[in-house]
Amino acid sequence: MQSTSALSRRGWWGTLWNQLKPEVPTDAETGSVALFHGALWSRALQGHEGLSLTCVEGQLWLTFESDPRDYILEPGSTVRLAKPGLVVVQALRPSRFRLAKVGSAMDTR
């Protein structure tokens, strides 16, 4: 028989492990990424990639070198990234976002 503290510890470690292992995109340009609270994700874009970043769950802060604005993304919010520069995303709470190939305009929805 296991003690309650051992079960709590095991549950805590399992939760921590699941939060620390981001879902890595299956290829370099598209896929789903999960971030735990406070975690950062970044990528240097060449400009010809034409990516959109959509918040699926949680809340994200996004800054993009080619754009003077910063963005707070809620579930369903999308930012299109089509210019060269560094994009940095931070999870303001446990979050998940999706990257997808798109056309060449940069805007938010």
PDB file of N, CA and C in Angstrom:
ATOM      1  N   MET A   1       0.834  -1.181   0.000  1.00  0.00           N
ATOM      2  CA  MET A   1       0.000   0.000   0.000  1.00  0.00           C
ATOM      3  C   MET A   1       0.877   1.242   0.000  1.00  0.00           C
ATOM      4  N   GLN A   2       0.567   2.202  -0.865  1.00  0.00           N
ATOM      5  CA  GLN A   2       1.364   3.423  -0.959  1.00  0.00           C
ATOM      6  C   GLN A   2       0.734   4.519  -0.123  1.00  0.00           C
ATOM      7  N   SER A   3       1.601   5.358   0.401  1.00  0.00           N
ATOM      8  CA  SER A   3       1.095   6.472   1.194  1.00  0.00           C
ATOM      9  C   SER A   3       0.528   7.556   0.283  1.00  0.00           C
ATOM     10  N   THR A   4      -0.297   8.404   0.856  1.00  0.00           N
ATOM     11  CA  THR A   4      -0.899   9.502   0.098  1.00  0.00           C
ATOM     12  C   THR A   4       0.165  10.456  -0.422  1.00  0.00           C
ATOM     13  N   SER A   5       1.212  10.721   0.379  1.00  0.00           N
ATOM     14  CA  SER A   5       2.263  11.646  -0.067  1.00  0.00           C
ATOM     15  C   SER A   5       3.040  11.063  -1.241  1.00  0.00           C
ATOM     16  N   ALA A   6       3.243   9.740  -1.269  1.00  0.00           N
ATOM     17  CA  ALA A   6       3.928   9.125  -2.405  1.00  0.00           C
ATOM     18  C   ALA A   6       3.087   9.244  -3.663  1.00  0.00           C
ATOM     19  N   LEU A   7       1.773   9.056  -3.539  1.00  0.00           N
ATOM     20  CA  LEU A   7       0.892   9.205  -4.691  1.00  0.00           C
ATOM     21  C   LEU A   7       0.864  10.652  -5.163  1.00  0.00           C
ATOM     22  N   SER A   8       0.824  11.585  -4.222  1.00  0.00           N
ATOM     23  CA  SER A   8       0.822  13.002  -4.576  1.00  0.00           C
ATOM     24  C   SER A   8       2.112  13.374  -5.285  1.00  0.00           C
ATOM     25  N   ARG A   9       3.224  12.878  -4.775  1.00  0.00           N
ATOM     26  CA  ARG A   9       4.516  13.156  -5.382  1.00  0.00           C
ATOM     27  C   ARG A   9       4.569  12.587  -6.806  1.00  0.00           C
ATOM     28  N   ARG A  10       4.093  11.358  -6.981  1.00  0.00           N
ATOM     29  CA  ARG A  10       4.095  10.726  -8.296  1.00  0.00           C
ATOM     30  C   ARG A  10       3.202  11.521  -9.254  1.00  0.00           C
ATOM     31  N   GLY A  11       2.027  11.927  -8.793  1.00  0.00           N
ATOM     32  CA  GLY A  11       1.132  12.725  -9.621  1.00  0.00           C
ATOM     33  C   GLY A  11       1.761  14.062  -9.988  1.00  0.00           C
ATOM     34  N   TRP A  12       2.441  14.679  -9.031  1.00  0.00           N
ATOM     35  CA  TRP A  12       3.105  15.960  -9.265  1.00  0.00           C
ATOM     36  C   TRP A  12       4.203  15.813 -10.311  1.00  0.00           C
ATOM     37  N   TRP A  13       5.037  14.776 -10.184  1.00  0.00           N
ATOM     38  CA  TRP A  13       6.111  14.554 -11.152  1.00  0.00           C
ATOM     39  C   TRP A  13       5.552  14.255 -12.537  1.00  0.00           C
ATOM     40  N   GLY A  14       4.490  13.466 -12.593  1.00  0.00           N
ATOM     41  CA  GLY A  14       3.866  13.165 -13.881  1.00  0.00           C
ATOM     42  C   GLY A  14       3.351  14.418 -14.557  1.00  0.00           C
ATOM     43  N   THR A  15       2.703  15.279 -13.777  1.00  0.00           N
ATOM     44  CA  THR A  15       2.199  16.540 -14.316  1.00  0.00           C
ATOM     45  C   THR A  15       3.351  17.415 -14.785  1.00  0.00           C
ATOM     46  N   LEU A  16       4.392  17.519 -13.969  1.00  0.00           N
ATOM     47  CA  LEU A  16       5.562  18.320 -14.341  1.00  0.00           C
ATOM     48  C   LEU A  16       6.190  17.781 -15.624  1.00  0.00           C
ATOM     49  N   TRP A  17       6.372  16.477 -15.714  1.00  0.00           N
ATOM     50  CA  TRP A  17       6.967  15.880 -16.907  1.00  0.00           C
ATOM     51  C   TRP A  17       6.133  16.199 -18.148  1.00  0.00           C
ATOM     52  N   ASN A  18       4.817  16.066 -18.049  1.00  0.00           N
ATOM     53  CA  ASN A  18       3.947  16.349 -19.192  1.00  0.00           C
ATOM     54  C   ASN A  18       4.015  17.815 -19.603  1.00  0.00           C
ATOM     55  N   GLN A  19       4.241  18.721 -18.660  1.00  0.00           N
ATOM     56  CA  GLN A  19       4.337  20.145 -18.978  1.00  0.00           C
ATOM     57  C   GLN A  19       5.706  20.499 -19.560  1.00  0.00           C
ATOM     58  N   LEU A  20       6.752  19.780 -19.163  1.00  0.00           N
ATOM     59  CA  LEU A  20       8.105  20.114 -19.606  1.00  0.00           C
ATOM     60  C   LEU A  20       8.446  19.575 -20.983  1.00  0.00           C
ATOM     61  N   LYS A  21       7.757  18.586 -21.458  1.00  0.00           N
ATOM     62  CA  LYS A  21       8.079  18.011 -22.756  1.00  0.00           C
ATOM     63  C   LYS A  21       7.150  18.602 -23.826  1.00  0.00           C
ATOM     64  N   PRO A  22       7.614  19.635 -24.530  1.00  0.00           N
ATOM     65  CA  PRO A  22       6.760  20.232 -25.552  1.00  0.00           C
ATOM     66  C   PRO A  22       6.538  19.262 -26.699  1.00  0.00           C
ATOM     67  N   GLU A  23       5.375  19.401 -27.334  1.00  0.00           N
ATOM     68  CA  GLU A  23       5.104  18.625 -28.536  1.00  0.00           C
ATOM     69  C   GLU A  23       5.897  19.267 -29.663  1.00  0.00           C
ATOM     70  N   VAL A  24       6.912  18.596 -30.147  1.00  0.00           N
ATOM     71  CA  VAL A  24       7.752  19.143 -31.192  1.00  0.00           C
ATOM     72  C   VAL A  24       7.069  18.937 -32.532  1.00  0.00           C
ATOM     73  N   PRO A  25       7.027  19.980 -33.378  1.00  0.00           N
ATOM     74  CA  PRO A  25       6.391  19.815 -34.683  1.00  0.00           C
ATOM     75  C   PRO A  25       7.002  18.649 -35.450  1.00  0.00           C
ATOM     76  N   THR A  26       6.188  17.969 -36.237  1.00  0.00           N
ATOM     77  CA  THR A  26       6.667  16.819 -36.986  1.00  0.00           C
ATOM     78  C   THR A  26       7.610  17.231 -38.102  1.00  0.00           C
ATOM     79  N   ASP A  27       7.461  18.444 -38.638  1.00  0.00           N
ATOM     80  CA  ASP A  27       8.462  18.950 -39.558  1.00  0.00           C
ATOM     81  C   ASP A  27       8.824  20.349 -39.109  1.00  0.00           C
ATOM     82  N   ALA A  28       9.793  20.962 -39.740  1.00  0.00           N
ATOM     83  CA  ALA A  28      10.334  22.233 -39.266  1.00  0.00           C
ATOM     84  C   ALA A  28       9.372  23.395 -39.411  1.00  0.00           C
ATOM     85  N   GLU A  29       8.330  23.276 -40.232  1.00  0.00           N
ATOM     86  CA  GLU A  29       7.502  24.438 -40.515  1.00  0.00           C
ATOM     87  C   GLU A  29       6.082  24.370 -39.978  1.00  0.00           C
ATOM     88  N   THR A  30       5.577  23.209 -39.670  1.00  0.00           N
ATOM     89  CA  THR A  30       4.200  23.131 -39.202  1.00  0.00           C
ATOM     90  C   THR A  30       4.099  22.174 -38.035  1.00  0.00           C
ATOM     91  N   GLY A  31       3.001  22.257 -37.317  1.00  0.00           N
ATOM     92  CA  GLY A  31       2.769  21.333 -36.217  1.00  0.00           C
ATOM     93  C   GLY A  31       2.203  22.035 -35.014  1.00  0.00           C
ATOM     94  N   SER A  32       2.117  21.300 -33.925  1.00  0.00           N
ATOM     95  CA  SER A  32       1.564  21.788 -32.676  1.00  0.00           C
ATOM     96  C   SER A  32       2.677  21.850 -31.641  1.00  0.00           C
ATOM     97  N   VAL A  33       2.668  22.912 -30.840  1.00  0.00           N
ATOM     98  CA  VAL A  33       3.673  23.080 -29.796  1.00  0.00           C
ATOM     99  C   VAL A  33       2.953  23.346 -28.488  1.00  0.00           C
ATOM    100  N   ALA A  34       3.301  22.615 -27.434  1.00  0.00           N
ATOM    101  CA  ALA A  34       2.747  22.828 -26.106  1.00  0.00           C
ATOM    102  C   ALA A  34       3.821  23.459 -25.229  1.00  0.00           C
ATOM    103  N   LEU A  35       3.432  24.464 -24.453  1.00  0.00           N
ATOM    104  CA  LEU A  35       4.358  25.149 -23.554  1.00  0.00           C
ATOM    105  C   LEU A  35       3.773  25.202 -22.149  1.00  0.00           C
ATOM    106  N   PHE A  36       4.599  24.962 -21.148  1.00  0.00           N
ATOM    107  CA  PHE A  36       4.150  25.135 -19.782  1.00  0.00           C
ATOM    108  C   PHE A  36       4.242  26.616 -19.420  1.00  0.00           C
ATOM    109  N   HIS A  37       3.607  27.015 -18.342  1.00  0.00           N
ATOM    110  CA  HIS A  37       3.564  28.409 -17.912  1.00  0.00           C
ATOM    111  C   HIS A  37       4.982  28.985 -17.810  1.00  0.00           C
ATOM    112  N   GLY A  38       5.219  30.072 -18.505  1.00  0.00           N
ATOM    113  CA  GLY A  38       6.512  30.750 -18.471  1.00  0.00           C
ATOM    114  C   GLY A  38       7.504  30.288 -19.527  1.00  0.00           C
ATOM    115  N   ALA A  39       7.230  29.179 -20.189  1.00  0.00           N
ATOM    116  CA  ALA A  39       8.173  28.637 -21.176  1.00  0.00           C
ATOM    117  C   ALA A  39       8.226  29.520 -22.422  1.00  0.00           C
ATOM    118  N   LEU A  40       9.393  29.522 -23.057  1.00  0.00           N
ATOM    119  CA  LEU A  40       9.622  30.297 -24.273  1.00  0.00           C
ATOM    120  C   LEU A  40       9.827  29.384 -25.473  1.00  0.00           C
ATOM    121  N   TRP A  41       9.424  29.867 -26.642  1.00  0.00           N
ATOM    122  CA  TRP A  41       9.680  29.210 -27.921  1.00  0.00           C
ATOM    123  C   TRP A  41      10.105  30.312 -28.874  1.00  0.00           C
ATOM    124  N   SER A  42      11.108  30.053 -29.695  1.00  0.00           N
ATOM    125  CA  SER A  42      11.527  31.066 -30.663  1.00  0.00           C
ATOM    126  C   SER A  42      11.987  30.403 -31.952  1.00  0.00           C
ATOM    127  N   ARG A  43      11.970  31.216 -32.994  1.00  0.00           N
ATOM    128  CA  ARG A  43      12.412  30.731 -34.294  1.00  0.00           C
ATOM    129  C   ARG A  43      12.818  31.925 -35.146  1.00  0.00           C
ATOM    130  N   ALA A  44      13.916  31.785 -35.860  1.00  0.00           N
ATOM    131  CA  ALA A  44      14.345  32.806 -36.817  1.00  0.00           C
ATOM    132  C   ALA A  44      13.694  32.484 -38.158  1.00  0.00           C
ATOM    133  N   LEU A  45      12.885  33.412 -38.656  1.00  0.00           N
ATOM    134  CA  LEU A  45      12.194  33.212 -39.925  1.00  0.00           C
ATOM    135  C   LEU A  45      12.979  33.880 -41.047  1.00  0.00           C
ATOM    136  N   GLN A  46      12.991  33.233 -42.190  1.00  0.00           N
ATOM    137  CA  GLN A  46      13.716  33.759 -43.344  1.00  0.00           C
ATOM    138  C   GLN A  46      12.847  34.706 -44.175  1.00  0.00           C
ATOM    139  N   GLY A  47      11.532  34.641 -44.011  1.00  0.00           N
ATOM    140  CA  GLY A  47      10.632  35.531 -44.729  1.00  0.00           C
ATOM    141  C   GLY A  47       9.904  34.872 -45.878  1.00  0.00           C
ATOM    142  N   HIS A  48      10.442  33.820 -46.429  1.00  0.00           N
ATOM    143  CA  HIS A  48       9.792  33.124 -47.534  1.00  0.00           C
ATOM    144  C   HIS A  48       8.912  31.977 -47.026  1.00  0.00           C
ATOM    145  N   GLU A  49       8.928  31.735 -45.699  1.00  0.00           N
ATOM    146  CA  GLU A  49       8.229  30.592 -45.129  1.00  0.00           C
ATOM    147  C   GLU A  49       6.713  30.772 -45.081  1.00  0.00           C
ATOM    148  N   GLY A  50       6.243  31.979 -44.826  1.00  0.00           N
ATOM    149  CA  GLY A  50       4.809  32.228 -44.747  1.00  0.00           C
ATOM    150  C   GLY A  50       4.106  31.346 -43.742  1.00  0.00           C
ATOM    151  N   LEU A  51       4.273  31.623 -42.456  1.00  0.00           N
ATOM    152  CA  LEU A  51       3.670  30.811 -41.399  1.00  0.00           C
ATOM    153  C   LEU A  51       2.577  31.589 -40.679  1.00  0.00           C
ATOM    154  N   SER A  52       1.588  30.869 -40.176  1.00  0.00           N
ATOM    155  CA  SER A  52       0.640  31.461 -39.249  1.00  0.00           C
ATOM    156  C   SER A  52       0.794  30.725 -37.924  1.00  0.00           C
ATOM    157  N   LEU A  53       0.640  31.458 -36.842  1.00  0.00           N
ATOM    158  CA  LEU A  53       0.721  30.911 -35.508  1.00  0.00           C
ATOM    159  C   LEU A  53      -0.644  31.144 -34.859  1.00  0.00           C
ATOM    160  N   THR A  54      -1.321  30.070 -34.466  1.00  0.00           N
ATOM    161  CA  THR A  54      -2.659  30.151 -33.878  1.00  0.00           C
ATOM    162  C   THR A  54      -2.629  29.603 -32.462  1.00  0.00           C
ATOM    163  N   CYS A  55      -3.104  30.391 -31.515  1.00  0.00           N
ATOM    164  CA  CYS A  55      -3.242  29.924 -30.134  1.00  0.00           C
ATOM    165  C   CYS A  55      -4.407  28.948 -30.081  1.00  0.00           C
ATOM    166  N   VAL A  56      -4.149  27.747 -29.590  1.00  0.00           N
ATOM    167  CA  VAL A  56      -5.179  26.720 -29.497  1.00  0.00           C
ATOM    168  C   VAL A  56      -5.775  26.688 -28.086  1.00  0.00           C
ATOM    169  N   GLU A  57      -4.906  26.840 -27.080  1.00  0.00           N
ATOM    170  CA  GLU A  57      -5.386  26.899 -25.702  1.00  0.00           C
ATOM    171  C   GLU A  57      -4.400  27.688 -24.864  1.00  0.00           C
ATOM    172  N   GLY A  58      -4.875  28.246 -23.760  1.00  0.00           N
ATOM    173  CA  GLY A  58      -4.024  29.029 -22.875  1.00  0.00           C
ATOM    174  C   GLY A  58      -3.978  30.486 -23.283  1.00  0.00           C
ATOM    175  N   GLN A  59      -2.827  31.114 -23.021  1.00  0.00           N
ATOM    176  CA  GLN A  59      -2.622  32.516 -23.378  1.00  0.00           C
ATOM    177  C   GLN A  59      -1.143  32.701 -23.689  1.00  0.00           C
ATOM    178  N   LEU A  60      -0.861  33.350 -24.820  1.00  0.00           N
ATOM    179  CA  LEU A  60       0.510  33.525 -25.287  1.00  0.00           C
ATOM    180  C   LEU A  60       0.849  35.002 -25.459  1.00  0.00           C
ATOM    181  N   TRP A  61       2.087  35.337 -25.197  1.00  0.00           N
ATOM    182  CA  TRP A  61       2.638  36.649 -25.549  1.00  0.00           C
ATOM    183  C   TRP A  61       3.568  36.403 -26.726  1.00  0.00           C
ATOM    184  N   LEU A  62       3.437  37.200 -27.785  1.00  0.00           N
ATOM    185  CA  LEU A  62       4.248  37.023 -28.984  1.00  0.00           C
ATOM    186  C   LEU A  62       4.875  38.354 -29.356  1.00  0.00           C
ATOM    187  N   THR A  63       6.154  38.322 -29.661  1.00  0.00           N
ATOM    188  CA  THR A  63       6.830  39.481 -30.213  1.00  0.00           C
ATOM    189  C   THR A  63       7.580  39.018 -31.453  1.00  0.00           C
ATOM    190  N   PHE A  64       7.629  39.900 -32.449  1.00  0.00           N
ATOM    191  CA  PHE A  64       8.224  39.556 -33.731  1.00  0.00           C
ATOM    192  C   PHE A  64       9.135  40.707 -34.150  1.00  0.00           C
ATOM    193  N   GLU A  65      10.366  40.392 -34.459  1.00  0.00           N
ATOM    194  CA  GLU A  65      11.381  41.383 -34.796  1.00  0.00           C
ATOM    195  C   GLU A  65      10.937  42.318 -35.924  1.00  0.00           C
ATOM    196  N   SER A  66      10.170  41.826 -36.863  1.00  0.00           N
ATOM    197  CA  SER A  66       9.735  42.631 -38.008  1.00  0.00           C
ATOM    198  C   SER A  66       8.463  43.426 -37.746  1.00  0.00           C
ATOM    199  N   ASP A  67       7.964  43.415 -36.519  1.00  0.00           N
ATOM    200  CA  ASP A  67       6.718  44.103 -36.181  1.00  0.00           C
ATOM    201  C   ASP A  67       6.925  44.857 -34.863  1.00  0.00           C
ATOM    202  N   PRO A  68       6.651  46.157 -34.822  1.00  0.00           N
ATOM    203  CA  PRO A  68       6.876  46.916 -33.584  1.00  0.00           C
ATOM    204  C   PRO A  68       5.871  46.584 -32.471  1.00  0.00           C
ATOM    205  N   ARG A  69       4.773  45.883 -32.815  1.00  0.00           N
ATOM    206  CA  ARG A  69       3.758  45.543 -31.818  1.00  0.00           C
ATOM    207  C   ARG A  69       4.075  44.215 -31.136  1.00  0.00           C
ATOM    208  N   ASP A  70       3.563  44.055 -29.932  1.00  0.00           N
ATOM    209  CA  ASP A  70       3.535  42.767 -29.239  1.00  0.00           C
ATOM    210  C   ASP A  70       2.094  42.303 -29.242  1.00  0.00           C
ATOM    211  N   TYR A  71       1.889  40.997 -29.115  1.00  0.00           N
ATOM    212  CA  TYR A  71       0.546  40.427 -29.170  1.00  0.00           C
ATOM    213  C   TYR A  71       0.295  39.550 -27.955  1.00  0.00           C
ATOM    214  N   ILE A  72      -0.919  39.613 -27.445  1.00  0.00           N
ATOM    215  CA  ILE A  72      -1.412  38.647 -26.464  1.00  0.00           C
ATOM    216  C   ILE A  72      -2.442  37.815 -27.216  1.00  0.00           C
ATOM    217  N   LEU A  73      -2.180  36.515 -27.316  1.00  0.00           N
ATOM    218  CA  LEU A  73      -3.052  35.626 -28.074  1.00  0.00           C
ATOM    219  C   LEU A  73      -3.876  34.756 -27.132  1.00  0.00           C
ATOM    220  N   GLU A  74      -5.159  34.753 -27.368  1.00  0.00           N
ATOM    221  CA  GLU A  74      -6.116  33.887 -26.669  1.00  0.00           C
ATOM    222  C   GLU A  74      -6.483  32.755 -27.631  1.00  0.00           C
ATOM    223  N   PRO A  75      -7.134  31.706 -27.160  1.00  0.00           N
ATOM    224  CA  PRO A  75      -7.536  30.629 -28.065  1.00  0.00           C
ATOM    225  C   PRO A  75      -8.325  31.157 -29.269  1.00  0.00           C
ATOM    226  N   GLY A  76      -7.897  30.743 -30.456  1.00  0.00           N
ATOM    227  CA  GLY A  76      -8.524  31.173 -31.703  1.00  0.00           C
ATOM    228  C   GLY A  76      -7.825  32.345 -32.376  1.00  0.00           C
ATOM    229  N   SER A  77      -6.965  33.065 -31.640  1.00  0.00           N
ATOM    230  CA  SER A  77      -6.229  34.195 -32.225  1.00  0.00           C
ATOM    231  C   SER A  77      -5.098  33.692 -33.104  1.00  0.00           C
ATOM    232  N   THR A  78      -4.914  34.358 -34.255  1.00  0.00           N
ATOM    233  CA  THR A  78      -3.874  33.971 -35.205  1.00  0.00           C
ATOM    234  C   THR A  78      -3.026  35.179 -35.588  1.00  0.00           C
ATOM    235  N   VAL A  79      -1.719  34.964 -35.701  1.00  0.00           N
ATOM    236  CA  VAL A  79      -0.800  35.968 -36.231  1.00  0.00           C
ATOM    237  C   VAL A  79      -0.117  35.341 -37.432  1.00  0.00           C
ATOM    238  N   ARG A  80      -0.108  36.060 -38.539  1.00  0.00           N
ATOM    239  CA  ARG A  80       0.604  35.592 -39.728  1.00  0.00           C
ATOM    240  C   ARG A  80       1.995  36.195 -39.736  1.00  0.00           C
ATOM    241  N   LEU A  81       2.977  35.357 -40.009  1.00  0.00           N
ATOM    242  CA  LEU A  81       4.395  35.748 -39.974  1.00  0.00           C
ATOM    243  C   LEU A  81       5.000  35.480 -41.347  1.00  0.00           C
ATOM    244  N   ALA A  82       5.225  36.546 -42.115  1.00  0.00           N
ATOM    245  CA  ALA A  82       5.709  36.342 -43.475  1.00  0.00           C
ATOM    246  C   ALA A  82       6.980  37.123 -43.779  1.00  0.00           C
ATOM    247  N   LYS A  83       7.480  37.907 -42.834  1.00  0.00           N
ATOM    248  CA  LYS A  83       8.688  38.694 -43.045  1.00  0.00           C
ATOM    249  C   LYS A  83       9.846  38.033 -42.302  1.00  0.00           C
ATOM    250  N   PRO A  84      11.082  38.326 -42.704  1.00  0.00           N
ATOM    251  CA  PRO A  84      12.217  37.770 -41.975  1.00  0.00           C
ATOM    252  C   PRO A  84      12.320  38.376 -40.576  1.00  0.00           C
ATOM    253  N   GLY A  85      12.810  37.600 -39.637  1.00  0.00           N
ATOM    254  CA  GLY A  85      13.020  38.085 -38.280  1.00  0.00           C
ATOM    255  C   GLY A  85      12.814  37.008 -37.252  1.00  0.00           C
ATOM    256  N   LEU A  86      13.156  37.344 -36.030  1.00  0.00           N
ATOM    257  CA  LEU A  86      13.028  36.408 -34.916  1.00  0.00           C
ATOM    258  C   LEU A  86      11.649  36.553 -34.297  1.00  0.00           C
ATOM    259  N   VAL A  87      10.949  35.449 -34.120  1.00  0.00           N
ATOM    260  CA  VAL A  87       9.670  35.439 -33.417  1.00  0.00           C
ATOM    261  C   VAL A  87       9.897  34.739 -32.073  1.00  0.00           C
ATOM    262  N   VAL A  88       9.368  35.341 -31.007  1.00  0.00           N
ATOM    263  CA  VAL A  88       9.485  34.776 -29.660  1.00  0.00           C
ATOM    264  C   VAL A  88       8.086  34.677 -29.076  1.00  0.00           C
ATOM    265  N   VAL A  89       7.783  33.506 -28.518  1.00  0.00           N
ATOM    266  CA  VAL A  89       6.481  33.246 -27.904  1.00  0.00           C
ATOM    267  C   VAL A  89       6.731  32.803 -26.469  1.00  0.00           C
ATOM    268  N   GLN A  90       5.954  33.373 -25.535  1.00  0.00           N
ATOM    269  CA  GLN A  90       6.016  32.939 -24.139  1.00  0.00           C
ATOM    270  C   GLN A  90       4.612  32.575 -23.684  1.00  0.00           C
ATOM    271  N   ALA A  91       4.507  31.473 -22.954  1.00  0.00           N
ATOM    272  CA  ALA A  91       3.215  31.037 -22.417  1.00  0.00           C
ATOM    273  C   ALA A  91       2.934  31.805 -21.129  1.00  0.00           C
ATOM    274  N   LEU A  92       1.833  32.541 -21.109  1.00  0.00           N
ATOM    275  CA  LEU A  92       1.423  33.260 -19.910  1.00  0.00           C
ATOM    276  C   LEU A  92       0.659  32.355 -18.957  1.00  0.00           C
ATOM    277  N   ARG A  93       0.274  31.180 -19.446  1.00  0.00           N
ATOM    278  CA  ARG A  93      -0.297  30.077 -18.673  1.00  0.00           C
ATOM    279  C   ARG A  93      -0.046  28.833 -19.524  1.00  0.00           C
ATOM    280  N   PRO A  94      -0.241  27.640 -19.025  1.00  0.00           N
ATOM    281  CA  PRO A  94      -0.022  26.460 -19.881  1.00  0.00           C
ATOM    282  C   PRO A  94      -0.805  26.631 -21.187  1.00  0.00           C
ATOM    283  N   SER A  95      -0.099  26.450 -22.313  1.00  0.00           N
ATOM    284  CA  SER A  95      -0.677  26.798 -23.616  1.00  0.00           C
ATOM    285  C   SER A  95      -0.262  25.818 -24.690  1.00  0.00           C
ATOM    286  N   ARG A  96      -1.007  25.911 -25.790  1.00  0.00           N
ATOM    287  CA  ARG A  96      -0.667  25.143 -26.978  1.00  0.00           C
ATOM    288  C   ARG A  96      -0.966  26.016 -28.184  1.00  0.00           C
ATOM    289  N   PHE A  97      -0.051  25.987 -29.167  1.00  0.00           N
ATOM    290  CA  PHE A  97      -0.281  26.726 -30.403  1.00  0.00           C
ATOM    291  C   PHE A  97       0.040  25.859 -31.598  1.00  0.00           C
ATOM    292  N   ARG A  98      -0.486  26.285 -32.750  1.00  0.00           N
ATOM    293  CA  ARG A  98      -0.312  25.536 -33.992  1.00  0.00           C
ATOM    294  C   ARG A  98       0.380  26.427 -35.010  1.00  0.00           C
ATOM    295  N   LEU A  99       1.342  25.861 -35.717  1.00  0.00           N
ATOM    296  CA  LEU A  99       2.008  26.533 -36.837  1.00  0.00           C
ATOM    297  C   LEU A  99       1.500  25.926 -38.130  1.00  0.00           C
ATOM    298  N   ALA A 100       1.244  26.788 -39.120  1.00  0.00           N
ATOM    299  CA  ALA A 100       0.780  26.302 -40.416  1.00  0.00           C
ATOM    300  C   ALA A 100       1.342  27.193 -41.517  1.00  0.00           C
ATOM    301  N   LYS A 101       1.544  26.614 -42.687  1.00  0.00           N
ATOM    302  CA  LYS A 101       1.997  27.379 -43.851  1.00  0.00           C
ATOM    303  C   LYS A 101       0.824  28.201 -44.385  1.00  0.00           C
ATOM    304  N   VAL A 102       1.115  29.464 -44.777  1.00  0.00           N
ATOM    305  CA  VAL A 102       0.095  30.354 -45.343  1.00  0.00           C
ATOM    306  C   VAL A 102       0.708  31.192 -46.455  1.00  0.00           C
ATOM    307  N   GLY A 103      -0.107  32.140 -46.964  1.00  0.00           N
ATOM    308  CA  GLY A 103       0.364  33.084 -47.992  1.00  0.00           C
ATOM    309  C   GLY A 103       1.373  34.064 -47.427  1.00  0.00           C
ATOM    310  N   SER A 104       1.536  35.199 -48.092  1.00  0.00           N
ATOM    311  CA  SER A 104       2.622  36.100 -47.751  1.00  0.00           C
ATOM    312  C   SER A 104       2.236  37.354 -46.970  1.00  0.00           C
ATOM    313  N   ALA A 105       0.982  37.544 -46.572  1.00  0.00           N
ATOM    314  CA  ALA A 105       0.599  38.743 -45.816  1.00  0.00           C
ATOM    315  C   ALA A 105       0.794  38.521 -44.324  1.00  0.00           C
ATOM    316  N   MET A 106       1.087  39.606 -43.600  1.00  0.00           N
ATOM    317  CA  MET A 106       1.227  39.505 -42.152  1.00  0.00           C
ATOM    318  C   MET A 106       0.121  40.319 -41.506  1.00  0.00           C
ATOM    319  N   ASP A 107      -0.736  39.655 -40.727  1.00  0.00           N
ATOM    320  CA  ASP A 107      -1.804  40.336 -40.024  1.00  0.00           C
ATOM    321  C   ASP A 107      -2.271  39.480 -38.867  1.00  0.00           C
ATOM    322  N   THR A 108      -3.227  39.980 -38.096  1.00  0.00           N
ATOM    323  CA  THR A 108      -3.804  39.202 -37.006  1.00  0.00           C
ATOM    324  C   THR A 108      -5.292  39.097 -37.226  1.00  0.00           C
ATOM    325  N   ARG A 109      -5.848  38.030 -36.694  1.00  0.00           N
ATOM    326  CA  ARG A 109      -7.307  37.837 -36.710  1.00  0.00           C
ATOM    327  C   ARG A 109      -7.803  37.782 -35.307  1.00  0.00           C
TER     328      ARG A 109
END
